[in-house]
Every structure is written in C-alpha cells, then in structure tokens.
N, C-alpha and C. Protein backbone atom coordinates (compact mmCIF):
# COMPACT_ATOMS: atom_id res chain seq x y z
N MET A 1 1.91 -11.43 21.65
CA MET A 1 1.19 -11.44 23.10
C MET A 1 0.89 -12.88 23.54
N THR A 2 0.71 -12.92 24.68
CA THR A 2 0.27 -14.39 25.36
C THR A 2 -0.85 -14.42 25.78
N THR A 3 -1.43 -15.42 26.44
CA THR A 3 -2.82 -15.61 27.27
C THR A 3 -3.00 -14.41 28.14
N ILE A 4 -4.32 -13.75 27.88
CA ILE A 4 -4.67 -12.75 28.68
C ILE A 4 -5.45 -13.28 29.74
N ASN A 5 -5.10 -12.85 30.98
CA ASN A 5 -5.68 -13.56 32.40
C ASN A 5 -6.24 -12.57 33.04
N ILE A 6 -7.14 -12.75 34.02
CA ILE A 6 -7.64 -12.08 35.15
C ILE A 6 -7.28 -12.76 36.42
N ASN A 7 -6.47 -11.78 37.13
CA ASN A 7 -6.06 -12.53 38.35
C ASN A 7 -6.95 -12.60 39.51
N ASP A 8 -6.60 -12.96 40.75
CA ASP A 8 -7.64 -13.02 41.83
C ASP A 8 -8.18 -11.63 42.44
N ASP A 9 -7.13 -10.55 42.09
CA ASP A 9 -7.47 -9.22 42.39
C ASP A 9 -8.41 -8.41 41.33
N GLY A 10 -8.71 -9.01 40.23
CA GLY A 10 -9.59 -8.46 39.26
C GLY A 10 -8.87 -7.58 38.20
N LEU A 11 -7.35 -7.97 38.25
CA LEU A 11 -6.44 -7.16 37.24
C LEU A 11 -6.27 -7.85 35.96
N VAL A 12 -6.27 -7.50 35.04
CA VAL A 12 -6.04 -8.04 33.55
C VAL A 12 -4.50 -8.15 33.54
N GLU A 13 -3.82 -9.40 33.18
CA GLU A 13 -2.41 -9.51 33.06
C GLU A 13 -2.12 -10.20 31.62
N PHE A 14 -1.22 -9.78 30.93
CA PHE A 14 -0.83 -10.28 29.86
C PHE A 14 0.94 -10.03 29.47
N SER A 15 1.41 -10.60 28.70
CA SER A 15 2.73 -10.43 28.48
C SER A 15 2.76 -10.33 26.89
N ILE A 16 3.93 -9.47 26.51
CA ILE A 16 4.21 -9.12 25.03
C ILE A 16 5.39 -9.43 24.64
N ASP A 17 5.91 -9.88 23.65
CA ASP A 17 6.98 -10.35 23.11
C ASP A 17 7.52 -9.09 22.24
N THR A 18 8.55 -8.53 22.89
CA THR A 18 9.07 -7.07 22.40
C THR A 18 10.02 -7.65 21.16
N SER A 19 10.32 -8.78 20.86
CA SER A 19 10.97 -9.10 19.58
C SER A 19 9.80 -8.91 18.38
N ILE A 20 8.74 -9.23 18.74
CA ILE A 20 7.71 -9.26 17.72
C ILE A 20 7.21 -7.76 17.60
N TYR A 21 6.76 -7.02 18.84
CA TYR A 21 5.92 -5.96 18.90
C TYR A 21 6.90 -4.86 19.35
N ASP A 22 7.38 -3.74 18.54
CA ASP A 22 8.29 -2.84 19.11
C ASP A 22 7.53 -1.81 19.99
N GLU A 23 8.25 -0.79 20.49
CA GLU A 23 7.76 0.00 21.40
C GLU A 23 6.50 0.87 20.80
N TRP A 24 6.75 1.30 19.59
CA TRP A 24 5.77 1.98 18.92
C TRP A 24 4.30 1.40 18.85
N VAL A 25 4.34 0.05 18.50
CA VAL A 25 3.27 -0.73 18.51
C VAL A 25 2.26 -0.67 19.82
N ILE A 26 3.44 -1.24 20.89
CA ILE A 26 2.97 -1.44 22.25
C ILE A 26 2.16 -0.05 22.91
N GLU A 27 2.87 0.98 22.56
CA GLU A 27 2.48 2.55 22.98
C GLU A 27 1.07 2.74 22.39
N LYS A 28 1.11 2.34 21.13
CA LYS A 28 -0.33 2.73 20.56
C LYS A 28 -1.43 1.90 20.88
N VAL A 29 -1.46 0.76 21.14
CA VAL A 29 -2.29 -0.02 21.69
C VAL A 29 -2.82 0.34 23.10
N LEU A 30 -1.64 0.32 24.04
CA LEU A 30 -2.00 0.59 25.39
C LEU A 30 -2.65 2.03 25.47
N TYR A 31 -2.26 3.00 24.78
CA TYR A 31 -2.67 4.35 24.74
C TYR A 31 -4.54 4.48 24.73
N TRP A 32 -4.92 3.61 23.99
CA TRP A 32 -6.31 3.48 23.76
C TRP A 32 -6.95 3.03 25.00
N LEU A 33 -6.29 2.29 25.92
CA LEU A 33 -6.77 1.73 27.14
C LEU A 33 -6.68 2.58 28.25
N SER A 34 -5.85 3.76 28.24
CA SER A 34 -5.45 4.47 29.41
C SER A 34 -6.56 5.21 29.87
N ALA A 35 -7.70 5.58 29.05
CA ALA A 35 -8.72 6.09 29.82
C ALA A 35 -9.74 5.44 30.76
N ASP A 36 -9.45 4.04 30.47
CA ASP A 36 -10.25 3.11 31.54
C ASP A 36 -9.53 2.40 32.36
N TYR A 37 -8.11 2.32 32.17
CA TYR A 37 -7.28 1.39 32.87
C TYR A 37 -6.11 2.12 33.33
N ILE A 38 -5.44 1.76 34.56
CA ILE A 38 -4.00 1.96 35.12
C ILE A 38 -3.23 0.89 34.41
N ILE A 39 -2.36 1.52 33.56
CA ILE A 39 -1.38 0.49 32.80
C ILE A 39 -0.09 0.37 33.67
N THR A 40 0.22 -0.85 33.82
CA THR A 40 1.70 -1.09 34.67
C THR A 40 2.33 -1.98 33.57
N ARG A 41 3.90 -1.50 33.27
CA ARG A 41 4.51 -2.38 32.41
C ARG A 41 5.87 -2.69 33.16
N CYS A 42 6.23 -3.84 32.88
CA CYS A 42 7.41 -4.41 33.45
C CYS A 42 8.32 -5.09 32.41
N ASN A 43 9.55 -4.78 32.21
CA ASN A 43 10.22 -5.69 31.36
C ASN A 43 10.98 -6.75 32.11
N ASP A 44 10.93 -7.89 31.57
CA ASP A 44 11.86 -9.10 32.17
C ASP A 44 13.05 -9.00 31.64
N THR A 45 14.27 -8.87 32.74
CA THR A 45 15.39 -8.45 32.19
C THR A 45 16.04 -9.72 31.52
N ASN A 46 15.55 -11.18 31.52
CA ASN A 46 16.34 -12.06 30.92
C ASN A 46 15.65 -12.39 29.60
N SER A 47 14.75 -11.87 29.21
CA SER A 47 14.07 -12.02 27.83
C SER A 47 13.48 -10.72 27.20
N TYR A 48 12.90 -11.15 26.21
CA TYR A 48 12.13 -9.93 25.20
C TYR A 48 10.86 -9.82 25.84
N ILE A 49 10.43 -10.24 26.76
CA ILE A 49 9.03 -10.20 27.42
C ILE A 49 8.69 -8.95 28.25
N GLN A 50 7.72 -8.23 27.99
CA GLN A 50 7.20 -7.40 28.81
C GLN A 50 6.07 -7.69 29.39
N ASN A 51 5.74 -7.69 30.84
CA ASN A 51 4.55 -8.14 31.34
C ASN A 51 3.57 -6.70 31.67
N VAL A 52 2.29 -6.87 31.27
CA VAL A 52 1.60 -5.72 31.36
C VAL A 52 0.43 -6.06 32.46
N THR A 53 -0.08 -4.96 33.16
CA THR A 53 -0.99 -5.04 34.07
C THR A 53 -1.96 -4.04 33.84
N LEU A 54 -3.40 -4.28 33.57
CA LEU A 54 -4.41 -3.49 33.46
C LEU A 54 -5.20 -3.51 34.68
N GLU A 55 -5.18 -2.26 35.60
CA GLU A 55 -6.25 -2.16 36.71
C GLU A 55 -7.26 -1.19 36.38
N PRO A 56 -8.62 -1.46 36.32
CA PRO A 56 -9.50 -0.65 36.07
C PRO A 56 -9.76 0.71 36.83
N LYS A 57 -9.75 1.88 36.41
CA LYS A 57 -9.80 2.97 37.00
C LYS A 57 -11.12 3.13 37.78
N ASP A 58 -11.21 4.09 38.79
CA ASP A 58 -12.43 4.06 39.46
C ASP A 58 -13.74 4.33 38.57
N GLY A 59 -14.73 4.00 38.96
CA GLY A 59 -15.82 3.99 38.24
C GLY A 59 -15.78 3.01 37.01
N HIS A 60 -14.71 2.27 36.77
CA HIS A 60 -14.80 1.42 35.52
C HIS A 60 -14.60 -0.09 36.14
N CYS A 61 -15.12 -1.07 35.16
CA CYS A 61 -14.83 -2.56 35.47
C CYS A 61 -14.88 -3.21 34.30
N ILE A 62 -14.40 -4.22 34.44
CA ILE A 62 -14.18 -5.21 33.31
C ILE A 62 -15.77 -5.67 32.97
N THR A 63 -16.18 -5.12 32.08
CA THR A 63 -17.79 -5.66 31.92
C THR A 63 -17.74 -7.05 30.96
N ASP A 64 -16.85 -7.03 29.98
CA ASP A 64 -16.86 -7.99 28.98
C ASP A 64 -15.40 -8.52 28.65
N PHE A 65 -14.94 -9.24 29.55
CA PHE A 65 -13.50 -9.83 29.49
C PHE A 65 -13.31 -10.30 28.10
N GLN A 66 -14.07 -10.92 27.24
CA GLN A 66 -13.88 -11.61 25.98
C GLN A 66 -13.71 -10.50 24.98
N GLN A 67 -14.43 -9.53 25.23
CA GLN A 67 -14.54 -8.27 24.15
C GLN A 67 -13.17 -7.45 24.40
N LEU A 68 -12.46 -7.45 25.68
CA LEU A 68 -11.29 -6.68 25.83
C LEU A 68 -10.18 -7.86 25.10
N LYS A 69 -10.20 -9.15 25.17
CA LYS A 69 -9.31 -9.95 24.69
C LYS A 69 -9.08 -9.72 23.29
N GLU A 70 -10.45 -9.79 22.71
CA GLU A 70 -10.52 -9.63 21.17
C GLU A 70 -10.00 -8.00 20.78
N LYS A 71 -10.26 -7.17 21.57
CA LYS A 71 -9.93 -5.99 21.19
C LYS A 71 -8.28 -5.70 21.17
N LEU A 72 -7.65 -6.46 22.43
CA LEU A 72 -6.17 -6.32 22.43
C LEU A 72 -5.81 -7.06 21.41
N SER A 73 -6.14 -8.33 20.96
CA SER A 73 -5.44 -8.96 20.01
C SER A 73 -5.74 -8.15 18.45
N ASN A 74 -6.82 -7.97 18.20
CA ASN A 74 -7.17 -7.08 17.07
C ASN A 74 -6.15 -5.78 16.87
N ASP A 75 -6.05 -5.11 17.97
CA ASP A 75 -5.29 -3.83 17.96
C ASP A 75 -3.70 -4.13 17.81
N PHE A 76 -3.45 -5.11 18.32
CA PHE A 76 -1.90 -5.50 18.08
C PHE A 76 -1.53 -5.88 16.76
N ILE A 77 -2.42 -6.71 16.02
CA ILE A 77 -2.28 -7.16 14.67
C ILE A 77 -2.38 -5.63 13.72
N ASP A 78 -3.40 -5.03 14.05
CA ASP A 78 -3.48 -3.62 13.26
C ASP A 78 -2.56 -2.78 13.38
N TYR A 79 -2.02 -2.23 14.48
CA TYR A 79 -0.83 -1.65 14.61
C TYR A 79 0.28 -2.22 14.24
N LYS A 80 0.73 -3.37 14.26
CA LYS A 80 1.79 -3.99 13.43
C LYS A 80 1.65 -3.67 12.15
N ASN A 81 0.51 -4.13 11.56
CA ASN A 81 0.26 -3.84 9.94
C ASN A 81 0.67 -2.55 9.67
N ARG A 82 0.03 -1.44 10.19
CA ARG A 82 0.11 -0.02 9.93
C ARG A 82 1.73 0.19 10.08
N GLN A 83 2.51 -0.21 10.98
CA GLN A 83 3.72 0.10 11.18
C GLN A 83 4.67 -0.63 9.89
N THR A 84 4.23 -1.82 9.61
CA THR A 84 4.84 -2.30 8.40
C THR A 84 4.59 -1.57 7.11
N ILE A 85 3.26 -1.39 6.98
CA ILE A 85 2.94 -0.47 5.59
C ILE A 85 3.72 0.75 5.53
N ALA A 86 3.78 1.46 6.66
CA ALA A 86 4.36 3.00 6.93
C ALA A 86 5.96 2.81 6.54
N ARG A 87 6.60 1.62 7.10
CA ARG A 87 8.10 1.33 6.76
C ARG A 87 8.17 0.95 5.25
N GLU A 88 7.09 0.26 4.60
CA GLU A 88 7.53 -0.06 3.24
C GLU A 88 7.26 1.09 2.31
N THR A 89 6.33 1.95 2.74
CA THR A 89 5.90 3.03 1.79
C THR A 89 6.57 4.41 2.24
N ALA A 90 7.69 4.50 3.02
CA ALA A 90 8.15 5.65 3.46
C ALA A 90 8.76 6.60 2.37
N ASN A 91 9.61 5.81 1.41
CA ASN A 91 10.29 6.45 0.39
C ASN A 91 9.37 7.02 -0.39
N ILE A 92 8.11 6.56 -0.74
CA ILE A 92 7.03 6.97 -1.85
C ILE A 92 6.69 8.21 -1.10
N ARG A 93 6.08 8.04 0.07
CA ARG A 93 5.47 9.07 0.90
C ARG A 93 6.54 10.27 0.96
N ASP A 94 7.56 10.25 1.24
CA ASP A 94 8.54 11.28 1.13
C ASP A 94 8.84 11.88 -0.10
N LEU A 95 8.66 11.17 -1.26
CA LEU A 95 8.80 11.62 -2.54
C LEU A 95 7.48 12.61 -2.84
N LEU A 96 6.34 12.17 -2.49
CA LEU A 96 4.97 12.75 -2.64
C LEU A 96 5.08 14.21 -1.95
N PHE A 97 5.35 14.06 -0.59
CA PHE A 97 5.65 15.32 0.16
C PHE A 97 6.60 16.33 -0.55
N ALA A 98 7.73 15.85 -0.91
CA ALA A 98 8.85 16.69 -1.41
C ALA A 98 8.14 17.54 -2.68
N LYS A 99 7.53 16.63 -3.64
CA LYS A 99 6.98 17.30 -4.70
C LYS A 99 5.66 18.06 -4.43
N ALA A 100 5.02 17.86 -3.28
CA ALA A 100 3.78 18.51 -3.32
C ALA A 100 4.17 19.88 -2.46
N PHE A 101 5.33 20.01 -1.74
CA PHE A 101 5.63 21.24 -1.22
C PHE A 101 6.88 22.06 -1.73
N ALA A 102 7.34 21.57 -2.83
CA ALA A 102 8.42 22.13 -3.68
C ALA A 102 8.09 23.24 -4.66
N ASN A 103 8.85 24.07 -5.04
CA ASN A 103 8.60 25.09 -5.84
C ASN A 103 8.03 24.46 -7.17
N SER A 104 6.80 24.84 -7.50
CA SER A 104 6.20 24.15 -8.83
C SER A 104 7.14 24.32 -10.07
N ASP A 105 8.05 25.15 -10.25
CA ASP A 105 8.68 25.42 -11.43
C ASP A 105 9.74 24.69 -11.45
N ASP A 106 10.29 23.81 -10.53
CA ASP A 106 11.32 22.72 -10.45
C ASP A 106 10.68 21.49 -10.67
N PHE A 107 9.42 21.08 -11.00
CA PHE A 107 8.84 19.99 -11.45
C PHE A 107 7.87 20.22 -12.51
N VAL A 108 8.19 21.05 -13.43
CA VAL A 108 7.43 21.06 -14.68
C VAL A 108 7.71 19.77 -15.34
N GLU A 109 6.28 19.20 -15.70
CA GLU A 109 6.45 17.88 -16.52
C GLU A 109 6.11 18.20 -17.84
N PHE A 110 5.30 19.14 -18.24
CA PHE A 110 5.09 19.53 -19.56
C PHE A 110 4.88 20.91 -19.58
N THR A 111 4.93 21.55 -21.04
CA THR A 111 4.75 23.08 -21.11
C THR A 111 3.26 22.93 -21.82
N PHE A 112 2.93 24.39 -21.72
CA PHE A 112 1.77 24.59 -22.63
C PHE A 112 1.81 25.38 -23.77
N LYS A 113 1.45 25.19 -24.77
CA LYS A 113 1.77 25.94 -26.16
C LYS A 113 0.33 26.45 -26.61
N ASP A 114 0.59 27.89 -26.84
CA ASP A 114 -0.62 28.66 -27.35
C ASP A 114 -0.97 28.39 -28.67
C-alpha cells in the first residue's frame, strides 16, 4: 500500500500493489469499510497497482484521518498474515476435518480390553 491522502474533494485515495496483496486480502480489508464509504477501485493497466478511492457515505465524514490510515495499514498486514497462515496450515486443517467427520471405526487408534 502506498501513501494515503485526502484529495481536495475530501476523498481518501491510496494505491495497492496487487503483486503483494492479492484479491482476497484487498476484499477483506475494503469490506469492513463499505458501511461508511463508497469504494471505487481501478486497476492500472500497465502495472500491478490498483487505485482505491473512499468517498464518505451520507451522514459520515472522515473524523480522524490518522486513525483511518492506521486501520488500513493494520488491516492489510493482518489479512495478509491470515492468508499466509491459512495457506501454510491447509493440509493439517484438511486432515483434522477428515478425521473429525469420518466414520469413527476407520480411525480406531487403540482398543479397550475388559
């Protein structure tokens, strides 16, 4: 993510490098802003840059620009880490789900003796 600015019209503008943050991460971050902002996204055809504009919805205004900057920065890092962890633990999670929902007779690890 590049520098976040407020333009002369009071809109928040920033750019995202899609070679770093994929669509899943971008969607997760922007989803939580959609209640307060109209979000416009535009891909630069000559690069991996996606330009984003946040326009406050009726009744909303940008009260604390610094807080918004921090939230965006933290959310991009947070969701990028979540994606990495999900990818790295996918096989383990799949095995645990398979074992949890499988027929218990197929996974008898020990037997009880009377």
